[in-house]
Amino acid sequence: MKRFLHTLRWDIQLQFRNGFYYVSAFVAILTVVLLKQIPGDVNWALWWPPVILENLVVNSFYFFAGLVLLEKREGTLEAQIVTPLRTHEYLFSKVLSLGLLSLLESIIIILAVSGPRFNWIWMVMGILILIAMYALYGFIIVSRYDSINEFILPSALGDMVLDPVIILF
């Protein structure tokens, strides 16, 4: 448990240092401003799934992949192989740290646009499940690439396949 908590703290620090929290704040503000421009009486129950889904694609899928590429470039990933850190601790730490960021951003967007009248339990459970799916999918896709330039096109194609599957379910 101690290894996991240290890894979680390091992941949060790494994300903050590399501007992930600033990007999330910018995206949240931009999303709120754009959604507030929609005129009239809107049925937000229809709008929230695709809005939150695309928000999670950025925060979970691409942020996780970016962290892995950053750690590959810095040599951190290779150094962790010889440490006592287990693979599941490494993955769960990243999923949890990015999950908290994504969940917080999603809740702020929903509260700012449509208020607190929604089913909190189902929303949080759905967001957490999607965060885990997208983050681990990002890890699977990025594992064979060494740079962001090699990764972008295949990741966009993979995302185009995964998004409609999730929306259908």
N, C-alpha and C. Protein backbone atom coordinates (compact mmCIF):
# COMPACT_ATOMS: atom_id res chain seq x y z
N MET A 1 0.83 -1.20 0.00
CA MET A 1 0.00 0.00 0.00
C MET A 1 0.87 1.25 0.00
N LYS A 2 2.00 1.17 0.67
CA LYS A 2 2.90 2.31 0.75
C LYS A 2 3.47 2.65 -0.63
N ARG A 3 3.83 1.61 -1.41
CA ARG A 3 4.34 1.83 -2.77
C ARG A 3 3.29 2.52 -3.62
N PHE A 4 2.05 2.03 -3.49
CA PHE A 4 0.96 2.60 -4.29
C PHE A 4 0.73 4.07 -3.93
N LEU A 5 0.71 4.41 -2.66
CA LEU A 5 0.48 5.80 -2.24
C LEU A 5 1.60 6.72 -2.71
N HIS A 6 2.84 6.24 -2.66
CA HIS A 6 3.96 7.03 -3.17
C HIS A 6 3.84 7.23 -4.68
N THR A 7 3.44 6.18 -5.37
CA THR A 7 3.27 6.27 -6.82
C THR A 7 2.13 7.21 -7.17
N LEU A 8 1.04 7.15 -6.42
CA LEU A 8 -0.09 8.05 -6.64
C LEU A 8 0.32 9.50 -6.43
N ARG A 9 1.06 9.75 -5.36
CA ARG A 9 1.53 11.11 -5.09
C ARG A 9 2.45 11.60 -6.22
N TRP A 10 3.34 10.72 -6.69
CA TRP A 10 4.25 11.08 -7.76
C TRP A 10 3.48 11.34 -9.06
N ASP A 11 2.47 10.54 -9.36
CA ASP A 11 1.67 10.74 -10.57
C ASP A 11 0.95 12.08 -10.54
N ILE A 12 0.36 12.42 -9.41
CA ILE A 12 -0.33 13.71 -9.30
C ILE A 12 0.66 14.86 -9.46
N GLN A 13 1.82 14.72 -8.87
CA GLN A 13 2.85 15.75 -8.99
C GLN A 13 3.33 15.87 -10.44
N LEU A 14 3.53 14.75 -11.11
CA LEU A 14 3.96 14.74 -12.50
C LEU A 14 2.91 15.38 -13.40
N GLN A 15 1.65 15.06 -13.16
CA GLN A 15 0.57 15.64 -13.96
C GLN A 15 0.48 17.15 -13.75
N PHE A 16 0.63 17.58 -12.51
CA PHE A 16 0.57 19.01 -12.24
C PHE A 16 1.75 19.74 -12.88
N ARG A 17 2.93 19.16 -12.76
CA ARG A 17 4.14 19.78 -13.31
C ARG A 17 4.08 19.90 -14.83
N ASN A 18 3.42 18.95 -15.48
CA ASN A 18 3.34 18.97 -16.93
C ASN A 18 2.09 19.66 -17.46
N GLY A 19 1.34 20.32 -16.59
CA GLY A 19 0.24 21.18 -17.02
C GLY A 19 -1.08 20.49 -17.28
N PHE A 20 -1.23 19.26 -16.87
CA PHE A 20 -2.49 18.55 -17.11
C PHE A 20 -3.65 19.24 -16.40
N TYR A 21 -3.42 19.78 -15.22
CA TYR A 21 -4.49 20.43 -14.46
C TYR A 21 -4.87 21.76 -15.11
N TYR A 22 -3.91 22.46 -15.68
CA TYR A 22 -4.21 23.70 -16.38
C TYR A 22 -5.02 23.43 -17.65
N VAL A 23 -4.64 22.37 -18.37
CA VAL A 23 -5.39 22.00 -19.57
C VAL A 23 -6.82 21.61 -19.20
N SER A 24 -6.98 20.85 -18.12
CA SER A 24 -8.32 20.45 -17.68
C SER A 24 -9.16 21.66 -17.29
N ALA A 25 -8.56 22.61 -16.60
CA ALA A 25 -9.29 23.82 -16.21
C ALA A 25 -9.69 24.61 -17.46
N PHE A 26 -8.79 24.72 -18.42
CA PHE A 26 -9.11 25.44 -19.65
C PHE A 26 -10.24 24.75 -20.42
N VAL A 27 -10.16 23.43 -20.53
CA VAL A 27 -11.20 22.68 -21.24
C VAL A 27 -12.54 22.81 -20.52
N ALA A 28 -12.52 22.75 -19.21
CA ALA A 28 -13.77 22.87 -18.44
C ALA A 28 -14.40 24.25 -18.65
N ILE A 29 -13.60 25.29 -18.57
CA ILE A 29 -14.11 26.65 -18.77
C ILE A 29 -14.64 26.82 -20.19
N LEU A 30 -13.89 26.34 -21.17
CA LEU A 30 -14.33 26.44 -22.56
C LEU A 30 -15.62 25.66 -22.80
N THR A 31 -15.72 24.48 -22.23
CA THR A 31 -16.93 23.67 -22.39
C THR A 31 -18.14 24.35 -21.76
N VAL A 32 -17.96 24.89 -20.57
CA VAL A 32 -19.07 25.59 -19.90
C VAL A 32 -19.51 26.80 -20.72
N VAL A 33 -18.56 27.58 -21.22
CA VAL A 33 -18.90 28.76 -22.02
C VAL A 33 -19.65 28.35 -23.28
N LEU A 34 -19.17 27.31 -23.96
CA LEU A 34 -19.84 26.87 -25.19
C LEU A 34 -21.23 26.30 -24.91
N LEU A 35 -21.37 25.52 -23.86
CA LEU A 35 -22.68 24.93 -23.56
C LEU A 35 -23.68 25.97 -23.07
N LYS A 36 -23.21 27.02 -22.43
CA LYS A 36 -24.11 28.10 -21.99
C LYS A 36 -24.66 28.88 -23.18
N GLN A 37 -24.04 28.75 -24.34
CA GLN A 37 -24.50 29.46 -25.54
C GLN A 37 -25.69 28.78 -26.20
N ILE A 38 -26.00 27.56 -25.80
CA ILE A 38 -27.12 26.84 -26.40
C ILE A 38 -28.42 27.51 -25.92
N PRO A 39 -29.22 27.98 -26.87
CA PRO A 39 -30.43 28.73 -26.48
C PRO A 39 -31.58 27.82 -26.07
N GLY A 40 -32.49 28.41 -25.33
CA GLY A 40 -33.76 27.76 -25.02
C GLY A 40 -33.69 26.75 -23.90
N ASP A 41 -34.78 26.03 -23.80
CA ASP A 41 -34.93 25.01 -22.77
C ASP A 41 -34.35 23.70 -23.32
N VAL A 42 -33.21 23.31 -22.82
CA VAL A 42 -32.49 22.16 -23.35
C VAL A 42 -32.71 20.95 -22.47
N ASN A 43 -32.91 19.81 -23.08
CA ASN A 43 -32.97 18.55 -22.35
C ASN A 43 -31.54 18.05 -22.17
N TRP A 44 -30.93 18.38 -21.04
CA TRP A 44 -29.52 18.06 -20.81
C TRP A 44 -29.29 16.56 -20.68
N ALA A 45 -30.32 15.80 -20.39
CA ALA A 45 -30.16 14.35 -20.30
C ALA A 45 -29.69 13.77 -21.64
N LEU A 46 -30.06 14.41 -22.73
CA LEU A 46 -29.61 13.97 -24.06
C LEU A 46 -28.22 14.48 -24.41
N TRP A 47 -27.85 15.63 -23.87
CA TRP A 47 -26.56 16.24 -24.20
C TRP A 47 -25.40 15.71 -23.38
N TRP A 48 -25.66 15.35 -22.13
CA TRP A 48 -24.54 14.99 -21.24
C TRP A 48 -23.74 13.77 -21.66
N PRO A 49 -24.34 12.69 -22.11
CA PRO A 49 -23.51 11.53 -22.48
C PRO A 49 -22.42 11.83 -23.52
N PRO A 50 -22.74 12.45 -24.66
CA PRO A 50 -21.65 12.71 -25.61
C PRO A 50 -20.66 13.77 -25.12
N VAL A 51 -21.13 14.77 -24.38
CA VAL A 51 -20.23 15.81 -23.88
C VAL A 51 -19.25 15.22 -22.87
N ILE A 52 -19.76 14.46 -21.93
CA ILE A 52 -18.90 13.85 -20.91
C ILE A 52 -18.00 12.79 -21.54
N LEU A 53 -18.52 12.04 -22.48
CA LEU A 53 -17.73 11.01 -23.15
C LEU A 53 -16.51 11.61 -23.84
N GLU A 54 -16.71 12.68 -24.57
CA GLU A 54 -15.57 13.30 -25.25
C GLU A 54 -14.62 13.96 -24.26
N ASN A 55 -15.14 14.47 -23.16
CA ASN A 55 -14.28 15.01 -22.11
C ASN A 55 -13.40 13.91 -21.53
N LEU A 56 -13.97 12.73 -21.34
CA LEU A 56 -13.21 11.62 -20.79
C LEU A 56 -12.19 11.07 -21.78
N VAL A 57 -12.47 11.19 -23.06
CA VAL A 57 -11.49 10.77 -24.06
C VAL A 57 -10.21 11.59 -23.89
N VAL A 58 -10.36 12.88 -23.72
CA VAL A 58 -9.18 13.74 -23.54
C VAL A 58 -8.51 13.44 -22.20
N ASN A 59 -9.28 13.46 -21.12
CA ASN A 59 -8.69 13.33 -19.79
C ASN A 59 -8.19 11.93 -19.46
N SER A 60 -8.79 10.92 -19.98
CA SER A 60 -8.37 9.57 -19.64
C SER A 60 -7.48 8.97 -20.72
N PHE A 61 -8.00 8.88 -21.92
CA PHE A 61 -7.29 8.22 -23.01
C PHE A 61 -6.01 8.95 -23.39
N TYR A 62 -6.12 10.22 -23.75
CA TYR A 62 -4.95 10.96 -24.23
C TYR A 62 -4.01 11.37 -23.10
N PHE A 63 -4.53 11.71 -21.94
CA PHE A 63 -3.65 12.05 -20.82
C PHE A 63 -2.86 10.83 -20.37
N PHE A 64 -3.49 9.66 -20.30
CA PHE A 64 -2.79 8.44 -19.90
C PHE A 64 -1.70 8.13 -20.92
N ALA A 65 -2.06 8.19 -22.19
CA ALA A 65 -1.08 7.93 -23.24
C ALA A 65 0.06 8.94 -23.19
N GLY A 66 -0.27 10.20 -22.94
CA GLY A 66 0.77 11.23 -22.82
C GLY A 66 1.72 10.96 -21.66
N LEU A 67 1.17 10.51 -20.54
CA LEU A 67 2.02 10.18 -19.40
C LEU A 67 2.96 9.01 -19.71
N VAL A 68 2.44 8.00 -20.39
CA VAL A 68 3.28 6.85 -20.73
C VAL A 68 4.38 7.28 -21.70
N LEU A 69 4.04 8.07 -22.70
CA LEU A 69 5.07 8.55 -23.64
C LEU A 69 6.10 9.43 -22.94
N LEU A 70 5.66 10.26 -22.02
CA LEU A 70 6.58 11.09 -21.25
C LEU A 70 7.52 10.23 -20.42
N GLU A 71 6.99 9.21 -19.77
CA GLU A 71 7.83 8.33 -18.96
C GLU A 71 8.76 7.49 -19.82
N LYS A 72 8.33 7.13 -21.02
CA LYS A 72 9.23 6.42 -21.93
C LYS A 72 10.39 7.31 -22.33
N ARG A 73 10.08 8.55 -22.69
CA ARG A 73 11.11 9.49 -23.13
C ARG A 73 12.12 9.80 -22.03
N GLU A 74 11.63 9.94 -20.81
CA GLU A 74 12.51 10.26 -19.69
C GLU A 74 13.24 9.04 -19.15
N GLY A 75 12.83 7.84 -19.53
CA GLY A 75 13.45 6.62 -19.05
C GLY A 75 12.87 6.14 -17.72
N THR A 76 11.84 6.80 -17.25
CA THR A 76 11.22 6.43 -15.98
C THR A 76 10.56 5.06 -16.06
N LEU A 77 9.94 4.78 -17.19
CA LEU A 77 9.25 3.50 -17.36
C LEU A 77 10.22 2.34 -17.29
N GLU A 78 11.38 2.48 -17.91
CA GLU A 78 12.39 1.42 -17.86
C GLU A 78 12.96 1.27 -16.46
N ALA A 79 13.12 2.37 -15.75
CA ALA A 79 13.66 2.31 -14.39
C ALA A 79 12.69 1.64 -13.43
N GLN A 80 11.40 1.76 -13.69
CA GLN A 80 10.41 1.16 -12.79
C GLN A 80 10.38 -0.36 -12.88
N ILE A 81 10.94 -0.90 -13.93
CA ILE A 81 10.96 -2.36 -14.08
C ILE A 81 11.77 -3.01 -12.96
N VAL A 82 12.83 -2.35 -12.52
CA VAL A 82 13.69 -2.94 -11.49
C VAL A 82 13.27 -2.55 -10.08
N THR A 83 12.22 -1.79 -9.94
CA THR A 83 11.73 -1.42 -8.61
C THR A 83 10.72 -2.46 -8.13
N PRO A 84 10.38 -2.45 -6.85
CA PRO A 84 9.37 -3.40 -6.37
C PRO A 84 7.94 -3.02 -6.76
N LEU A 85 7.76 -1.91 -7.48
CA LEU A 85 6.42 -1.49 -7.90
C LEU A 85 5.83 -2.53 -8.85
N ARG A 86 4.64 -2.98 -8.53
CA ARG A 86 3.98 -3.98 -9.37
C ARG A 86 3.21 -3.30 -10.50
N THR A 87 2.97 -4.05 -11.55
CA THR A 87 2.29 -3.50 -12.72
C THR A 87 0.91 -2.98 -12.38
N HIS A 88 0.15 -3.72 -11.59
CA HIS A 88 -1.20 -3.28 -11.25
C HIS A 88 -1.18 -2.02 -10.39
N GLU A 89 -0.15 -1.84 -9.57
CA GLU A 89 -0.03 -0.61 -8.77
C GLU A 89 0.24 0.58 -9.68
N TYR A 90 1.11 0.38 -10.65
CA TYR A 90 1.44 1.43 -11.61
C TYR A 90 0.19 1.86 -12.39
N LEU A 91 -0.53 0.88 -12.93
CA LEU A 91 -1.72 1.18 -13.73
C LEU A 91 -2.83 1.80 -12.89
N PHE A 92 -3.09 1.23 -11.72
CA PHE A 92 -4.16 1.73 -10.87
C PHE A 92 -3.86 3.14 -10.38
N SER A 93 -2.60 3.45 -10.13
CA SER A 93 -2.23 4.79 -9.70
C SER A 93 -2.55 5.82 -10.78
N LYS A 94 -2.21 5.49 -12.00
CA LYS A 94 -2.49 6.41 -13.11
C LYS A 94 -4.00 6.55 -13.34
N VAL A 95 -4.70 5.41 -13.32
CA VAL A 95 -6.15 5.44 -13.52
C VAL A 95 -6.82 6.26 -12.42
N LEU A 96 -6.41 6.07 -11.18
CA LEU A 96 -7.02 6.79 -10.06
C LEU A 96 -6.71 8.28 -10.11
N SER A 97 -5.47 8.65 -10.38
CA SER A 97 -5.12 10.07 -10.40
C SER A 97 -5.81 10.79 -11.55
N LEU A 98 -5.81 10.18 -12.73
CA LEU A 98 -6.52 10.80 -13.86
C LEU A 98 -8.03 10.71 -13.67
N GLY A 99 -8.48 9.66 -13.01
CA GLY A 99 -9.91 9.52 -12.75
C GLY A 99 -10.45 10.60 -11.84
N LEU A 100 -9.70 10.92 -10.81
CA LEU A 100 -10.13 12.00 -9.91
C LEU A 100 -10.18 13.33 -10.65
N LEU A 101 -9.18 13.58 -11.49
CA LEU A 101 -9.16 14.81 -12.28
C LEU A 101 -10.35 14.86 -13.24
N SER A 102 -10.62 13.77 -13.93
CA SER A 102 -11.73 13.71 -14.88
C SER A 102 -13.08 13.83 -14.19
N LEU A 103 -13.21 13.15 -13.07
CA LEU A 103 -14.48 13.20 -12.33
C LEU A 103 -14.75 14.61 -11.82
N LEU A 104 -13.73 15.25 -11.28
CA LEU A 104 -13.89 16.62 -10.79
C LEU A 104 -14.25 17.56 -11.93
N GLU A 105 -13.57 17.43 -13.05
CA GLU A 105 -13.87 18.30 -14.20
C GLU A 105 -15.30 18.07 -14.71
N SER A 106 -15.71 16.82 -14.81
CA SER A 106 -17.06 16.52 -15.29
C SER A 106 -18.13 17.07 -14.36
N ILE A 107 -17.93 16.90 -13.06
CA ILE A 107 -18.90 17.41 -12.09
C ILE A 107 -18.98 18.93 -12.15
N ILE A 108 -17.85 19.60 -12.28
CA ILE A 108 -17.84 21.06 -12.38
C ILE A 108 -18.59 21.52 -13.62
N ILE A 109 -18.36 20.85 -14.74
CA ILE A 109 -19.05 21.22 -15.99
C ILE A 109 -20.56 21.04 -15.83
N ILE A 110 -20.98 19.91 -15.31
CA ILE A 110 -22.42 19.63 -15.17
C ILE A 110 -23.06 20.61 -14.21
N LEU A 111 -22.43 20.85 -13.07
CA LEU A 111 -22.99 21.79 -12.09
C LEU A 111 -23.08 23.21 -12.65
N ALA A 112 -22.07 23.63 -13.38
CA ALA A 112 -22.05 25.00 -13.91
C ALA A 112 -23.09 25.20 -15.01
N VAL A 113 -23.39 24.15 -15.76
CA VAL A 113 -24.31 24.31 -16.89
C VAL A 113 -25.75 24.00 -16.51
N SER A 114 -25.99 22.88 -15.84
CA SER A 114 -27.39 22.49 -15.61
C SER A 114 -27.78 22.38 -14.15
N GLY A 115 -26.87 22.62 -13.24
CA GLY A 115 -27.22 22.58 -11.82
C GLY A 115 -27.12 21.19 -11.22
N PRO A 116 -27.48 21.07 -9.94
CA PRO A 116 -27.27 19.82 -9.22
C PRO A 116 -28.38 18.78 -9.34
N ARG A 117 -29.34 19.00 -10.23
CA ARG A 117 -30.48 18.08 -10.31
C ARG A 117 -30.21 16.95 -11.31
N PHE A 118 -29.52 15.96 -10.86
CA PHE A 118 -29.30 14.76 -11.65
C PHE A 118 -28.98 13.62 -10.70
N ASN A 119 -28.97 12.41 -11.20
CA ASN A 119 -28.72 11.24 -10.37
C ASN A 119 -27.21 11.09 -10.16
N TRP A 120 -26.74 11.54 -9.02
CA TRP A 120 -25.31 11.57 -8.72
C TRP A 120 -24.68 10.19 -8.73
N ILE A 121 -25.35 9.21 -8.16
CA ILE A 121 -24.76 7.87 -8.04
C ILE A 121 -24.48 7.28 -9.42
N TRP A 122 -25.48 7.29 -10.29
CA TRP A 122 -25.29 6.71 -11.62
C TRP A 122 -24.29 7.50 -12.45
N MET A 123 -24.30 8.82 -12.30
CA MET A 123 -23.35 9.63 -13.06
C MET A 123 -21.92 9.32 -12.64
N VAL A 124 -21.66 9.30 -11.35
CA VAL A 124 -20.30 9.05 -10.85
C VAL A 124 -19.86 7.63 -11.21
N MET A 125 -20.75 6.65 -11.04
CA MET A 125 -20.38 5.28 -11.39
C MET A 125 -20.07 5.14 -12.88
N GLY A 126 -20.89 5.75 -13.72
CA GLY A 126 -20.65 5.69 -15.16
C GLY A 126 -19.36 6.37 -15.57
N ILE A 127 -19.09 7.52 -14.98
CA ILE A 127 -17.85 8.24 -15.29
C ILE A 127 -16.64 7.43 -14.85
N LEU A 128 -16.69 6.85 -13.66
CA LEU A 128 -15.55 6.07 -13.17
C LEU A 128 -15.28 4.83 -14.04
N ILE A 129 -16.34 4.17 -14.47
CA ILE A 129 -16.16 3.00 -15.35
C ILE A 129 -15.56 3.42 -16.68
N LEU A 130 -16.07 4.50 -17.26
CA LEU A 130 -15.52 4.97 -18.53
C LEU A 130 -14.09 5.45 -18.39
N ILE A 131 -13.75 6.08 -17.28
CA ILE A 131 -12.37 6.53 -17.05
C ILE A 131 -11.44 5.32 -17.06
N ALA A 132 -11.80 4.29 -16.34
CA ALA A 132 -10.95 3.09 -16.30
C ALA A 132 -10.82 2.47 -17.69
N MET A 133 -11.93 2.37 -18.42
CA MET A 133 -11.89 1.78 -19.76
C MET A 133 -11.00 2.58 -20.69
N TYR A 134 -11.21 3.90 -20.74
CA TYR A 134 -10.42 4.73 -21.65
C TYR A 134 -8.96 4.79 -21.26
N ALA A 135 -8.66 4.87 -19.98
CA ALA A 135 -7.27 4.96 -19.54
C ALA A 135 -6.52 3.66 -19.89
N LEU A 136 -7.12 2.53 -19.60
CA LEU A 136 -6.44 1.27 -19.91
C LEU A 136 -6.37 1.03 -21.41
N TYR A 137 -7.37 1.46 -22.14
CA TYR A 137 -7.33 1.39 -23.60
C TYR A 137 -6.20 2.28 -24.13
N GLY A 138 -6.04 3.45 -23.55
CA GLY A 138 -4.94 4.33 -23.93
C GLY A 138 -3.59 3.69 -23.69
N PHE A 139 -3.46 2.96 -22.58
CA PHE A 139 -2.20 2.27 -22.28
C PHE A 139 -1.93 1.18 -23.31
N ILE A 140 -2.97 0.44 -23.68
CA ILE A 140 -2.80 -0.63 -24.67
C ILE A 140 -2.37 -0.05 -26.01
N ILE A 141 -3.02 1.00 -26.44
CA ILE A 141 -2.72 1.59 -27.75
C ILE A 141 -1.34 2.23 -27.78
N VAL A 142 -0.96 2.96 -26.73
CA VAL A 142 0.29 3.72 -26.74
C VAL A 142 1.52 2.85 -26.51
N SER A 143 1.34 1.65 -26.02
CA SER A 143 2.48 0.82 -25.63
C SER A 143 3.43 0.52 -26.79
N ARG A 144 2.95 0.53 -28.00
CA ARG A 144 3.83 0.21 -29.13
C ARG A 144 4.46 1.43 -29.79
N TYR A 145 4.15 2.63 -29.32
CA TYR A 145 4.67 3.85 -29.94
C TYR A 145 5.67 4.53 -29.00
N ASP A 146 6.60 5.27 -29.63
CA ASP A 146 7.63 5.97 -28.86
C ASP A 146 7.48 7.48 -28.89
N SER A 147 6.62 8.00 -29.76
CA SER A 147 6.45 9.45 -29.83
C SER A 147 4.99 9.78 -30.09
N ILE A 148 4.63 11.00 -29.77
CA ILE A 148 3.26 11.45 -29.95
C ILE A 148 2.90 11.51 -31.44
N ASN A 149 3.89 11.81 -32.28
CA ASN A 149 3.63 11.89 -33.71
C ASN A 149 3.22 10.54 -34.29
N GLU A 150 3.84 9.47 -33.83
CA GLU A 150 3.48 8.13 -34.28
C GLU A 150 2.12 7.70 -33.74
N PHE A 151 1.77 8.21 -32.60
CA PHE A 151 0.59 7.76 -31.85
C PHE A 151 -0.71 8.41 -32.28
N ILE A 152 -0.70 9.65 -32.71
CA ILE A 152 -1.92 10.44 -32.92
C ILE A 152 -2.88 9.80 -33.92
N LEU A 153 -2.44 9.48 -35.11
CA LEU A 153 -3.36 8.95 -36.12
C LEU A 153 -3.97 7.60 -35.71
N PRO A 154 -3.17 6.62 -35.30
CA PRO A 154 -3.80 5.36 -34.86
C PRO A 154 -4.74 5.54 -33.66
N SER A 155 -4.40 6.47 -32.78
CA SER A 155 -5.26 6.68 -31.61
C SER A 155 -6.60 7.29 -32.03
N ALA A 156 -6.57 8.19 -32.98
CA ALA A 156 -7.82 8.79 -33.46
C ALA A 156 -8.70 7.74 -34.13
N LEU A 157 -8.08 6.87 -34.89
CA LEU A 157 -8.85 5.80 -35.53
C LEU A 157 -9.43 4.85 -34.48
N GLY A 158 -8.63 4.50 -33.48
CA GLY A 158 -9.12 3.63 -32.41
C GLY A 158 -10.23 4.28 -31.62
N ASP A 159 -10.12 5.58 -31.40
CA ASP A 159 -11.15 6.31 -30.67
C ASP A 159 -12.45 6.38 -31.48
N MET A 160 -12.33 6.50 -32.78
CA MET A 160 -13.53 6.54 -33.63
C MET A 160 -14.28 5.21 -33.59
N VAL A 161 -13.57 4.14 -33.33
CA VAL A 161 -14.21 2.83 -33.22
C VAL A 161 -14.84 2.65 -31.85
N LEU A 162 -14.12 3.05 -30.79
CA LEU A 162 -14.58 2.82 -29.42
C LEU A 162 -15.75 3.71 -29.01
N ASP A 163 -15.76 4.97 -29.42
CA ASP A 163 -16.84 5.88 -29.01
C ASP A 163 -18.23 5.41 -29.42
N PRO A 164 -18.45 5.06 -30.68
CA PRO A 164 -19.80 4.60 -31.03
C PRO A 164 -20.20 3.32 -30.30
N VAL A 165 -19.26 2.44 -30.03
CA VAL A 165 -19.58 1.21 -29.30
C VAL A 165 -20.07 1.56 -27.90
N ILE A 166 -19.41 2.48 -27.24
CA ILE A 166 -19.81 2.89 -25.90
C ILE A 166 -21.15 3.60 -25.92
N ILE A 167 -21.37 4.46 -26.89
CA ILE A 167 -22.64 5.20 -26.97
C ILE A 167 -23.81 4.23 -27.21
N LEU A 168 -23.58 3.17 -27.99
CA LEU A 168 -24.66 2.22 -28.25
C LEU A 168 -25.07 1.47 -26.99
N PHE A 169 -24.14 1.24 -26.08
CA PHE A 169 -24.46 0.52 -24.86
C PHE A 169 -24.93 1.48 -23.82
